Each structure stands twice: as C-alpha cells, then as structure tokens.
Amino acid sequence: MIFGLLVVVGGYAAGAGKTILFPPQLSSTDFVRQWRGAPGFPADWPPRVQGDKAYAEGYLAAVVDLTQGTKWCSPAQMEPGERDDRVIYAVEKSPTNTNAAKALLDQYVARFPCQ
C-alpha cells in the first residue's frame, strides 16, 4: 500500500515541472458584453445578467486596484467613471479578442501614463 502511494505521489511530482496554459478567466469580448449587459433587459435584468455585470465590475476594479499608480496614473481632473468608460470603449473597439485584464491594462497604460 505504501509503495503504491509513493508511486502515485512520485508521478505527480514528476509532472510538476510542466506548465499548463489555461484560457483567460475572461476574454476582452466577453468582458465588454458583460459590462454592457444584455440588450433587451433595461430595468429588470434576470439574475444571470446581473451576475455577469457584477463580475465585470469586480474584474475591472481588480485591474484598477492592482495597477493604478504603478503602471498608469489616473488624471486628477477626471472622474473614475469617465476614465473607465474611455478604456472600456477602446477595448470594445479593438479588433482583437484577448485576455480582458491585458486588454484593459494596455488601454489604461496607453491613455493615462504616469507623469
């Protein structure tokens, strides 16, 4: 029994050096779709759509909290909502569908560099 356990554990340890690349948690296209909400549900969105919107809001907040002041700097004269809208609009207009965090960060860095 102990030998079998060692073989199994040893098998996992041997595979530990391999790198597995998982798809992004959220693509830029899916982020924009979730941020904008589903068309046709203006006031009383179903719970799934509300959850998608909340997920996108939290995702954006995490990107901002992790990178603001180090990778990019928010202009003092601009409201956070306006700043974020500009970035989201740019991600929405981008022809590439990539990792949402990277797409958002790239836009913040390009539009709001630290002086």
N, C-alpha and C. Protein backbone atom coordinates (compact mmCIF):
# COMPACT_ATOMS: atom_id res chain seq x y z
N MET A 1 0.82 -1.20 0.00
CA MET A 1 0.00 0.00 0.00
C MET A 1 0.86 1.26 0.00
N ILE A 2 1.89 1.30 0.84
CA ILE A 2 2.76 2.48 0.90
C ILE A 2 3.50 2.63 -0.42
N PHE A 3 3.93 1.52 -1.03
CA PHE A 3 4.63 1.59 -2.32
C PHE A 3 3.72 2.21 -3.38
N GLY A 4 2.47 1.80 -3.42
CA GLY A 4 1.53 2.36 -4.38
C GLY A 4 1.33 3.85 -4.18
N LEU A 5 1.28 4.28 -2.94
CA LEU A 5 1.13 5.70 -2.65
C LEU A 5 2.36 6.47 -3.10
N LEU A 6 3.53 5.91 -2.89
CA LEU A 6 4.77 6.57 -3.33
C LEU A 6 4.82 6.69 -4.84
N VAL A 7 4.37 5.67 -5.53
CA VAL A 7 4.36 5.71 -6.99
C VAL A 7 3.42 6.80 -7.48
N VAL A 8 2.26 6.89 -6.90
CA VAL A 8 1.29 7.91 -7.30
C VAL A 8 1.84 9.30 -7.00
N VAL A 9 2.34 9.52 -5.80
CA VAL A 9 2.89 10.82 -5.43
C VAL A 9 4.09 11.14 -6.30
N GLY A 10 4.94 10.17 -6.54
CA GLY A 10 6.10 10.37 -7.41
C GLY A 10 5.68 10.74 -8.82
N GLY A 11 4.60 10.16 -9.30
CA GLY A 11 4.09 10.50 -10.63
C GLY A 11 3.64 11.95 -10.71
N TYR A 12 3.00 12.43 -9.67
CA TYR A 12 2.58 13.84 -9.64
C TYR A 12 3.79 14.76 -9.56
N ALA A 13 4.77 14.39 -8.78
CA ALA A 13 5.95 15.22 -8.63
C ALA A 13 6.71 15.31 -9.96
N ALA A 14 6.75 14.22 -10.70
CA ALA A 14 7.45 14.23 -11.99
C ALA A 14 6.76 15.17 -12.97
N GLY A 15 5.44 15.28 -12.89
CA GLY A 15 4.71 16.15 -13.79
C GLY A 15 4.63 17.59 -13.31
N ALA A 16 5.18 17.86 -12.14
CA ALA A 16 5.05 19.20 -11.56
C ALA A 16 5.82 20.25 -12.35
N GLY A 17 6.83 19.87 -13.11
CA GLY A 17 7.61 20.84 -13.86
C GLY A 17 6.94 21.31 -15.13
N LYS A 18 5.87 20.68 -15.53
CA LYS A 18 5.17 21.06 -16.75
C LYS A 18 4.34 22.32 -16.51
N THR A 19 4.30 23.17 -17.51
CA THR A 19 3.49 24.38 -17.43
C THR A 19 2.22 24.17 -18.24
N ILE A 20 1.10 24.46 -17.62
CA ILE A 20 -0.18 24.35 -18.30
C ILE A 20 -0.72 25.76 -18.50
N LEU A 21 -1.04 26.11 -19.72
CA LEU A 21 -1.58 27.43 -20.01
C LEU A 21 -3.09 27.30 -20.18
N PHE A 22 -3.81 27.84 -19.22
CA PHE A 22 -5.26 27.81 -19.27
C PHE A 22 -5.77 29.03 -20.04
N PRO A 23 -6.95 28.96 -20.60
CA PRO A 23 -7.51 30.15 -21.25
C PRO A 23 -7.74 31.24 -20.21
N PRO A 24 -7.82 32.50 -20.63
CA PRO A 24 -8.03 33.57 -19.65
C PRO A 24 -9.36 33.41 -18.92
N GLN A 25 -9.42 33.94 -17.72
CA GLN A 25 -10.66 33.90 -16.96
C GLN A 25 -11.78 34.60 -17.70
N LEU A 26 -11.42 35.64 -18.44
CA LEU A 26 -12.41 36.42 -19.16
C LEU A 26 -11.75 37.02 -20.40
N SER A 27 -12.36 36.84 -21.55
CA SER A 27 -11.83 37.44 -22.77
C SER A 27 -12.30 38.89 -22.85
N SER A 28 -11.62 39.68 -23.67
CA SER A 28 -12.00 41.09 -23.80
C SER A 28 -13.41 41.23 -24.37
N THR A 29 -13.76 40.36 -25.31
CA THR A 29 -15.11 40.41 -25.89
C THR A 29 -16.17 40.08 -24.84
N ASP A 30 -15.92 39.04 -24.05
CA ASP A 30 -16.88 38.67 -23.00
C ASP A 30 -16.96 39.75 -21.92
N PHE A 31 -15.82 40.36 -21.60
CA PHE A 31 -15.84 41.45 -20.61
C PHE A 31 -16.77 42.57 -21.06
N VAL A 32 -16.60 43.02 -22.30
CA VAL A 32 -17.43 44.13 -22.80
C VAL A 32 -18.90 43.72 -22.82
N ARG A 33 -19.19 42.50 -23.25
CA ARG A 33 -20.58 42.02 -23.28
C ARG A 33 -21.17 42.03 -21.87
N GLN A 34 -20.41 41.55 -20.91
CA GLN A 34 -20.92 41.51 -19.54
C GLN A 34 -21.01 42.91 -18.94
N TRP A 35 -20.08 43.78 -19.28
CA TRP A 35 -20.11 45.16 -18.76
C TRP A 35 -21.33 45.91 -19.29
N ARG A 36 -21.58 45.76 -20.58
CA ARG A 36 -22.69 46.49 -21.21
C ARG A 36 -24.04 45.89 -20.82
N GLY A 37 -24.07 44.61 -20.48
CA GLY A 37 -25.33 43.96 -20.16
C GLY A 37 -25.98 43.43 -21.43
N ALA A 38 -26.97 42.61 -21.24
CA ALA A 38 -27.67 42.02 -22.38
C ALA A 38 -28.69 43.00 -22.92
N PRO A 39 -28.73 43.17 -24.24
CA PRO A 39 -29.75 44.05 -24.81
C PRO A 39 -31.15 43.48 -24.57
N GLY A 40 -32.10 44.35 -24.35
CA GLY A 40 -33.47 43.90 -24.16
C GLY A 40 -33.85 43.71 -22.70
N PHE A 41 -32.93 43.94 -21.79
CA PHE A 41 -33.22 43.81 -20.37
C PHE A 41 -32.86 45.12 -19.66
N PRO A 42 -33.57 46.20 -19.94
CA PRO A 42 -33.15 47.51 -19.41
C PRO A 42 -33.22 47.65 -17.90
N ALA A 43 -34.35 47.36 -17.30
CA ALA A 43 -34.51 47.67 -15.88
C ALA A 43 -34.48 46.43 -15.00
N ASP A 44 -35.09 45.37 -15.45
CA ASP A 44 -35.22 44.18 -14.61
C ASP A 44 -34.46 43.00 -15.22
N TRP A 45 -33.15 43.14 -15.30
CA TRP A 45 -32.32 42.07 -15.84
C TRP A 45 -32.50 40.81 -15.02
N PRO A 46 -32.48 39.66 -15.67
CA PRO A 46 -32.54 38.41 -14.92
C PRO A 46 -31.27 38.24 -14.07
N PRO A 47 -31.33 37.41 -13.03
CA PRO A 47 -30.18 37.24 -12.13
C PRO A 47 -28.87 36.89 -12.84
N ARG A 48 -28.93 36.09 -13.88
CA ARG A 48 -27.70 35.70 -14.59
C ARG A 48 -27.02 36.93 -15.19
N VAL A 49 -27.81 37.80 -15.81
CA VAL A 49 -27.25 39.01 -16.43
C VAL A 49 -26.72 39.95 -15.35
N GLN A 50 -27.44 40.06 -14.24
CA GLN A 50 -26.97 40.89 -13.13
C GLN A 50 -25.65 40.35 -12.59
N GLY A 51 -25.54 39.05 -12.51
CA GLY A 51 -24.29 38.43 -12.04
C GLY A 51 -23.15 38.68 -12.99
N ASP A 52 -23.41 38.60 -14.29
CA ASP A 52 -22.37 38.89 -15.29
C ASP A 52 -21.88 40.32 -15.15
N LYS A 53 -22.79 41.25 -14.98
CA LYS A 53 -22.44 42.67 -14.84
C LYS A 53 -21.60 42.88 -13.58
N ALA A 54 -22.01 42.28 -12.48
CA ALA A 54 -21.26 42.41 -11.23
C ALA A 54 -19.87 41.80 -11.35
N TYR A 55 -19.76 40.68 -12.06
CA TYR A 55 -18.46 40.04 -12.28
C TYR A 55 -17.55 40.97 -13.06
N ALA A 56 -18.07 41.58 -14.12
CA ALA A 56 -17.27 42.51 -14.93
C ALA A 56 -16.85 43.73 -14.11
N GLU A 57 -17.73 44.23 -13.27
CA GLU A 57 -17.39 45.38 -12.41
C GLU A 57 -16.27 45.02 -11.44
N GLY A 58 -16.36 43.85 -10.84
CA GLY A 58 -15.31 43.39 -9.93
C GLY A 58 -14.00 43.14 -10.64
N TYR A 59 -14.09 42.61 -11.85
CA TYR A 59 -12.90 42.34 -12.66
C TYR A 59 -12.17 43.65 -12.96
N LEU A 60 -12.92 44.66 -13.39
CA LEU A 60 -12.34 45.97 -13.69
C LEU A 60 -11.73 46.58 -12.42
N ALA A 61 -12.44 46.50 -11.31
CA ALA A 61 -11.93 47.05 -10.06
C ALA A 61 -10.61 46.40 -9.66
N ALA A 62 -10.49 45.10 -9.87
CA ALA A 62 -9.25 44.40 -9.54
C ALA A 62 -8.09 44.89 -10.40
N VAL A 63 -8.33 45.05 -11.70
CA VAL A 63 -7.29 45.55 -12.60
C VAL A 63 -6.86 46.94 -12.17
N VAL A 64 -7.83 47.81 -11.88
CA VAL A 64 -7.53 49.18 -11.47
C VAL A 64 -6.76 49.19 -10.14
N ASP A 65 -7.27 48.47 -9.14
CA ASP A 65 -6.63 48.47 -7.82
C ASP A 65 -5.21 47.93 -7.86
N LEU A 66 -4.97 46.95 -8.68
CA LEU A 66 -3.65 46.32 -8.74
C LEU A 66 -2.62 47.16 -9.49
N THR A 67 -3.05 47.99 -10.42
CA THR A 67 -2.10 48.65 -11.32
C THR A 67 -2.07 50.17 -11.24
N GLN A 68 -3.10 50.81 -10.70
CA GLN A 68 -3.14 52.27 -10.65
C GLN A 68 -2.02 52.80 -9.77
N GLY A 69 -1.31 53.79 -10.28
CA GLY A 69 -0.21 54.39 -9.54
C GLY A 69 1.13 53.72 -9.76
N THR A 70 1.12 52.53 -10.35
CA THR A 70 2.37 51.85 -10.67
C THR A 70 2.55 51.67 -12.17
N LYS A 71 1.52 51.23 -12.84
CA LYS A 71 1.58 51.03 -14.30
C LYS A 71 0.99 52.21 -15.05
N TRP A 72 0.04 52.88 -14.46
CA TRP A 72 -0.63 54.04 -15.06
C TRP A 72 -1.14 54.93 -13.93
N CYS A 73 -1.46 56.17 -14.26
CA CYS A 73 -1.92 57.11 -13.23
C CYS A 73 -3.20 57.80 -13.68
N SER A 74 -4.14 57.87 -12.77
CA SER A 74 -5.43 58.48 -13.07
C SER A 74 -5.31 59.99 -13.06
N PRO A 75 -5.83 60.67 -14.10
CA PRO A 75 -5.79 62.13 -14.10
C PRO A 75 -6.66 62.70 -12.97
N ALA A 76 -6.13 63.70 -12.28
CA ALA A 76 -6.84 64.27 -11.13
C ALA A 76 -8.16 64.93 -11.53
N GLN A 77 -8.22 65.48 -12.73
CA GLN A 77 -9.41 66.22 -13.15
C GLN A 77 -10.49 65.33 -13.76
N MET A 78 -10.27 64.04 -13.80
CA MET A 78 -11.23 63.13 -14.45
C MET A 78 -11.87 62.21 -13.42
N GLU A 79 -13.17 62.08 -13.50
CA GLU A 79 -13.90 61.16 -12.62
C GLU A 79 -13.54 59.71 -13.00
N PRO A 80 -13.47 58.81 -12.01
CA PRO A 80 -13.15 57.42 -12.32
C PRO A 80 -14.10 56.79 -13.33
N GLY A 81 -15.38 57.11 -13.26
CA GLY A 81 -16.34 56.55 -14.22
C GLY A 81 -16.05 56.96 -15.64
N GLU A 82 -15.69 58.22 -15.84
CA GLU A 82 -15.35 58.70 -17.19
C GLU A 82 -14.08 58.03 -17.69
N ARG A 83 -13.10 57.93 -16.82
CA ARG A 83 -11.83 57.27 -17.16
C ARG A 83 -12.08 55.82 -17.59
N ASP A 84 -12.85 55.11 -16.78
CA ASP A 84 -13.13 53.71 -17.09
C ASP A 84 -13.94 53.56 -18.37
N ASP A 85 -14.90 54.45 -18.60
CA ASP A 85 -15.69 54.40 -19.83
C ASP A 85 -14.82 54.55 -21.06
N ARG A 86 -13.84 55.43 -21.00
CA ARG A 86 -12.93 55.62 -22.14
C ARG A 86 -12.13 54.35 -22.41
N VAL A 87 -11.67 53.73 -21.36
CA VAL A 87 -10.89 52.50 -21.51
C VAL A 87 -11.77 51.37 -22.05
N ILE A 88 -12.95 51.21 -21.50
CA ILE A 88 -13.85 50.13 -21.94
C ILE A 88 -14.26 50.35 -23.40
N TYR A 89 -14.53 51.58 -23.77
CA TYR A 89 -14.87 51.89 -25.17
C TYR A 89 -13.72 51.49 -26.09
N ALA A 90 -12.49 51.79 -25.70
CA ALA A 90 -11.33 51.43 -26.52
C ALA A 90 -11.17 49.91 -26.63
N VAL A 91 -11.40 49.21 -25.54
CA VAL A 91 -11.34 47.74 -25.58
C VAL A 91 -12.43 47.20 -26.49
N GLU A 92 -13.61 47.78 -26.41
CA GLU A 92 -14.75 47.35 -27.24
C GLU A 92 -14.44 47.54 -28.73
N LYS A 93 -13.76 48.62 -29.07
CA LYS A 93 -13.46 48.93 -30.48
C LYS A 93 -12.23 48.18 -31.00
N SER A 94 -11.49 47.55 -30.11
CA SER A 94 -10.29 46.82 -30.53
C SER A 94 -10.66 45.60 -31.37
N PRO A 95 -9.94 45.37 -32.47
CA PRO A 95 -10.26 44.24 -33.33
C PRO A 95 -9.83 42.89 -32.75
N THR A 96 -8.99 42.89 -31.73
CA THR A 96 -8.51 41.63 -31.17
C THR A 96 -9.32 41.21 -29.96
N ASN A 97 -9.52 39.92 -29.85
CA ASN A 97 -10.17 39.33 -28.68
C ASN A 97 -9.07 38.64 -27.88
N THR A 98 -8.72 39.22 -26.76
CA THR A 98 -7.60 38.73 -25.98
C THR A 98 -8.00 38.64 -24.51
N ASN A 99 -7.06 38.38 -23.66
CA ASN A 99 -7.26 38.36 -22.23
C ASN A 99 -7.79 39.72 -21.78
N ALA A 100 -8.90 39.75 -21.09
CA ALA A 100 -9.52 41.02 -20.71
C ALA A 100 -8.62 41.86 -19.81
N ALA A 101 -7.94 41.25 -18.87
CA ALA A 101 -7.06 42.01 -17.97
C ALA A 101 -5.95 42.69 -18.76
N LYS A 102 -5.36 41.98 -19.70
CA LYS A 102 -4.30 42.57 -20.52
C LYS A 102 -4.86 43.68 -21.40
N ALA A 103 -6.00 43.46 -22.01
CA ALA A 103 -6.60 44.49 -22.87
C ALA A 103 -6.92 45.75 -22.07
N LEU A 104 -7.48 45.59 -20.88
CA LEU A 104 -7.79 46.75 -20.04
C LEU A 104 -6.52 47.47 -19.61
N LEU A 105 -5.55 46.71 -19.13
CA LEU A 105 -4.30 47.32 -18.67
C LEU A 105 -3.59 48.05 -19.81
N ASP A 106 -3.54 47.44 -20.97
CA ASP A 106 -2.90 48.10 -22.13
C ASP A 106 -3.55 49.45 -22.42
N GLN A 107 -4.87 49.52 -22.32
CA GLN A 107 -5.57 50.78 -22.59
C GLN A 107 -5.32 51.82 -21.48
N TYR A 108 -5.32 51.38 -20.23
CA TYR A 108 -5.02 52.32 -19.15
C TYR A 108 -3.61 52.90 -19.31
N VAL A 109 -2.64 52.03 -19.60
CA VAL A 109 -1.25 52.47 -19.76
C VAL A 109 -1.12 53.44 -20.94
N ALA A 110 -1.76 53.11 -22.05
CA ALA A 110 -1.66 53.96 -23.25
C ALA A 110 -2.33 55.32 -23.05
N ARG A 111 -3.46 55.34 -22.36
CA ARG A 111 -4.23 56.57 -22.23
C ARG A 111 -3.86 57.43 -21.03
N PHE A 112 -3.36 56.79 -19.98
CA PHE A 112 -3.11 57.51 -18.74
C PHE A 112 -1.73 57.19 -18.16
N PRO A 113 -0.67 57.56 -18.88
CA PRO A 113 0.67 57.28 -18.35
C PRO A 113 0.97 58.13 -17.11
N CYS A 114 1.83 57.63 -16.26
CA CYS A 114 2.25 58.42 -15.10
C CYS A 114 3.24 59.48 -15.57
N GLN A 115 3.11 60.69 -15.04
CA GLN A 115 3.98 61.80 -15.45
C GLN A 115 5.23 61.83 -14.60
